[in-house]
Amino acid sequence: MNIPNSLSLLRISLIPVFILFFYLPVSWCYIAATLIFTLAAITDILDGYLARKLEQTSRLGTFLDPVADKLMVAVVLVLLVQNHPTVWLALPAAVIIGREITVSALREWMAELGVRSKVAVSAYGKIKTIAQMIAMILLIFHQPVFGLPVYQTGMVLLYVAAILTLWSMCHYLIAAWPQLNKNKE
């Protein structure tokens, strides 16, 4: 066990805590849930950085980091849609969750073929993650701040993230297409 893996495990353990605070029947529940999600987002940034900086990359970390990310994102998006059940929120949420499942399966399959590096995380994926995390922070908090439309800004960023999600998925599928298009040998 090392620091980056501990951060990934912390992110996973924050999921039930987030859910608890999201549903607490108190006026400050969304502030608390926003802070918990923000902490999880920070651990997402830190675990990869520290793994490289401290040279503590591991097979466990390679597995845990994306699992922690996808679990937290999926849970938060589902709760947000449940809390605000509109097509405008459900559509980008479905796109983002669907892309995560598709790209995870694609990466697993490409790893089995020994060509996982062809679908490694790209710059589009990193930009998408930043837009997605900021959008989700704003959507969880959702109250105007100094008259600024926090929820609406979060929705715009969520659509930006959904578009980047589709763009990066297409990028990965194009990179994998030669393998996908091969006949079985």
Protein backbone atom coordinates (compact mmCIF):
# COMPACT_ATOMS: atom_id res chain seq x y z
CA MET A 1 0.00 0.00 0.00
CA ASN A 2 1.30 3.46 -0.88
CA ILE A 3 0.06 7.06 -0.77
CA PRO A 4 -1.52 7.14 -4.27
CA ASN A 5 -3.39 3.87 -3.66
CA SER A 6 -4.53 5.14 -0.27
CA LEU A 7 -5.95 8.23 -1.99
CA SER A 8 -7.84 6.06 -4.48
CA LEU A 9 -9.26 3.98 -1.64
CA LEU A 10 -10.19 7.19 0.19
CA ARG A 11 -12.08 8.33 -2.92
CA ILE A 12 -14.02 5.06 -3.00
CA SER A 13 -14.77 5.29 0.73
CA LEU A 14 -16.07 8.85 0.25
CA ILE A 15 -18.89 7.57 -2.00
CA PRO A 16 -21.22 6.41 0.82
CA VAL A 17 -20.28 9.51 2.84
CA PHE A 18 -21.23 11.69 -0.14
CA ILE A 19 -24.55 9.86 -0.52
CA LEU A 20 -25.31 10.28 3.18
CA PHE A 21 -24.66 14.02 3.15
CA PHE A 22 -26.44 14.51 -0.20
CA TYR A 23 -29.65 13.15 1.35
CA LEU A 24 -29.35 14.57 4.86
CA PRO A 25 -32.51 16.53 5.70
CA VAL A 26 -30.62 19.67 6.73
CA SER A 27 -30.17 23.02 5.02
CA TRP A 28 -26.40 22.58 4.63
CA CYS A 29 -26.46 19.10 3.05
CA TYR A 30 -25.47 20.32 -0.42
CA ILE A 31 -22.59 22.39 0.94
CA ALA A 32 -21.27 19.31 2.76
CA ALA A 33 -21.82 17.08 -0.29
CA THR A 34 -20.04 19.64 -2.48
CA LEU A 35 -17.05 19.70 -0.11
CA ILE A 36 -16.90 15.89 -0.04
CA PHE A 37 -17.01 15.66 -3.83
CA THR A 38 -14.39 18.41 -4.11
CA LEU A 39 -12.14 16.43 -1.75
CA ALA A 40 -12.66 13.36 -3.93
CA ALA A 41 -11.78 15.37 -7.06
CA ILE A 42 -8.60 16.64 -5.39
CA THR A 43 -7.59 13.08 -4.47
CA ASP A 44 -8.11 12.17 -8.14
CA ILE A 45 -5.60 14.83 -9.16
CA LEU A 46 -3.17 13.99 -6.36
CA ASP A 47 -3.04 10.21 -6.69
CA GLY A 48 -1.79 10.25 -10.27
CA TYR A 49 0.61 13.12 -9.64
CA LEU A 50 2.05 11.50 -6.51
CA ALA A 51 2.31 8.09 -8.15
CA ARG A 52 4.55 9.59 -10.84
CA LYS A 53 6.41 12.04 -8.57
CA LEU A 54 7.13 9.49 -5.82
CA GLU A 55 7.61 6.68 -8.35
CA GLN A 56 4.88 4.69 -6.60
CA THR A 57 3.01 3.41 -9.63
CA SER A 58 1.62 -0.07 -9.17
CA ARG A 59 -0.73 -2.54 -10.80
CA LEU A 60 -3.17 -2.01 -7.95
CA GLY A 61 -3.07 1.75 -8.52
CA THR A 62 -3.54 1.32 -12.26
CA PHE A 63 -6.71 -0.61 -11.43
CA LEU A 64 -7.96 1.44 -8.46
CA ASP A 65 -7.62 4.97 -9.87
CA PRO A 66 -9.99 4.62 -12.84
CA VAL A 67 -12.41 2.47 -10.84
CA ALA A 68 -12.59 5.12 -8.09
CA ASP A 69 -13.12 7.86 -10.68
CA LYS A 70 -15.86 6.06 -12.56
CA LEU A 71 -17.69 4.95 -9.41
CA MET A 72 -17.75 8.46 -7.96
CA VAL A 73 -18.76 10.11 -11.24
CA ALA A 74 -21.52 7.58 -11.94
CA VAL A 75 -22.95 7.82 -8.42
CA VAL A 76 -22.95 11.62 -8.44
CA LEU A 77 -24.54 11.84 -11.88
CA VAL A 78 -27.26 9.36 -10.94
CA LEU A 79 -28.03 11.30 -7.74
CA LEU A 80 -28.09 14.60 -9.61
CA VAL A 81 -30.53 13.22 -12.19
CA GLN A 82 -32.67 11.75 -9.41
CA ASN A 83 -32.67 15.13 -7.67
CA HIS A 84 -33.44 17.11 -10.87
CA PRO A 85 -35.18 14.63 -13.21
CA THR A 86 -35.08 16.47 -16.54
CA VAL A 87 -34.04 15.32 -19.97
CA TRP A 88 -31.52 18.19 -20.02
CA LEU A 89 -29.61 16.66 -17.14
CA ALA A 90 -30.28 12.99 -17.93
CA LEU A 91 -28.92 13.26 -21.49
CA PRO A 92 -25.37 14.43 -20.69
CA ALA A 93 -25.31 12.13 -17.64
CA ALA A 94 -26.16 9.13 -19.84
CA VAL A 95 -23.56 10.17 -22.41
CA ILE A 96 -20.85 10.48 -19.75
CA ILE A 97 -21.70 7.22 -17.99
CA GLY A 98 -22.09 5.38 -21.32
CA ARG A 99 -18.72 6.65 -22.51
CA GLU A 100 -17.03 5.56 -19.29
CA ILE A 101 -18.38 2.03 -19.70
CA THR A 102 -17.47 1.92 -23.41
CA VAL A 103 -13.94 3.23 -23.00
CA SER A 104 -13.28 0.99 -19.98
CA ALA A 105 -14.36 -2.06 -21.95
CA LEU A 106 -12.31 -0.92 -24.95
CA ARG A 107 -9.20 -0.45 -22.80
CA GLU A 108 -9.66 -3.86 -21.18
CA TRP A 109 -10.07 -5.53 -24.56
CA MET A 110 -7.07 -3.68 -26.04
CA ALA A 111 -4.99 -4.73 -22.99
CA GLU A 112 -5.90 -8.36 -23.68
CA LEU A 113 -4.57 -7.87 -27.20
CA GLY A 114 -1.39 -6.29 -25.81
CA VAL A 115 -2.04 -2.91 -27.45
CA ARG A 116 -3.55 -0.94 -24.57
CA SER A 117 -1.14 1.96 -25.22
CA LYS A 118 -3.16 2.78 -28.36
CA VAL A 119 -6.05 3.86 -26.08
CA ALA A 120 -4.06 5.52 -23.29
CA VAL A 121 -5.52 8.61 -21.63
CA SER A 122 -5.33 11.55 -24.01
CA ALA A 123 -5.30 15.32 -23.50
CA TYR A 124 -8.99 15.36 -24.50
CA GLY A 125 -9.74 12.96 -21.66
CA LYS A 126 -7.92 15.14 -19.14
CA ILE A 127 -9.70 18.33 -20.28
CA LYS A 128 -13.01 16.44 -20.21
CA THR A 129 -12.34 15.34 -16.65
CA ILE A 130 -11.61 18.91 -15.50
CA ALA A 131 -14.80 20.28 -17.13
CA GLN A 132 -16.80 17.36 -15.74
CA MET A 133 -15.52 17.76 -12.18
CA ILE A 134 -16.14 21.52 -12.10
CA ALA A 135 -19.61 21.00 -13.61
CA MET A 136 -20.48 18.40 -11.00
CA ILE A 137 -19.24 20.59 -8.14
CA LEU A 138 -21.47 23.42 -9.38
CA LEU A 139 -24.46 21.12 -9.93
CA ILE A 140 -24.17 19.58 -6.47
CA PHE A 141 -23.99 23.01 -4.83
CA HIS A 142 -26.60 24.46 -7.25
CA GLN A 143 -27.40 27.64 -5.26
CA PRO A 144 -26.64 31.07 -6.76
CA VAL A 145 -23.56 32.76 -5.29
CA PHE A 146 -23.58 36.57 -5.30
CA GLY A 147 -26.31 36.38 -7.91
CA LEU A 148 -24.24 34.17 -10.21
CA PRO A 149 -26.17 31.27 -11.78
CA VAL A 150 -24.22 28.33 -10.33
CA TYR A 151 -26.61 25.59 -11.50
CA GLN A 152 -26.88 26.99 -15.05
CA THR A 153 -23.11 27.37 -15.28
CA GLY A 154 -22.76 23.77 -14.11
CA MET A 155 -25.20 22.63 -16.79
CA VAL A 156 -23.23 24.45 -19.52
CA LEU A 157 -20.01 22.86 -18.28
CA LEU A 158 -21.70 19.45 -18.11
CA TYR A 159 -22.63 19.79 -21.79
CA VAL A 160 -19.07 20.85 -22.59
CA ALA A 161 -17.89 17.75 -20.71
CA ALA A 162 -20.41 15.55 -22.58
CA ILE A 163 -19.21 16.90 -25.95
CA LEU A 164 -15.57 16.35 -24.94
CA THR A 165 -16.61 12.90 -23.72
CA LEU A 166 -17.97 11.99 -27.14
CA TRP A 167 -14.94 13.56 -28.83
CA SER A 168 -12.46 11.61 -26.70
CA MET A 169 -14.46 8.38 -27.12
CA CYS A 170 -14.32 8.84 -30.91
CA HIS A 171 -10.58 9.49 -30.61
CA TYR A 172 -10.13 6.21 -28.71
CA LEU A 173 -12.36 4.26 -31.11
CA ILE A 174 -10.44 5.60 -34.12
CA ALA A 175 -7.15 4.60 -32.46
CA ALA A 176 -8.56 1.13 -31.79
CA TRP A 177 -10.30 0.74 -35.16
CA PRO A 178 -7.53 -1.30 -36.82
CA GLN A 179 -7.85 -3.87 -34.00
CA LEU A 180 -11.66 -3.70 -33.97
CA ASN A 181 -11.81 -4.19 -37.72
CA LYS A 182 -9.50 -7.24 -37.84
CA ASN A 183 -10.94 -10.65 -38.56
CA LYS A 184 -10.57 -13.15 -35.76
CA GLU A 185 -7.50 -15.27 -36.32
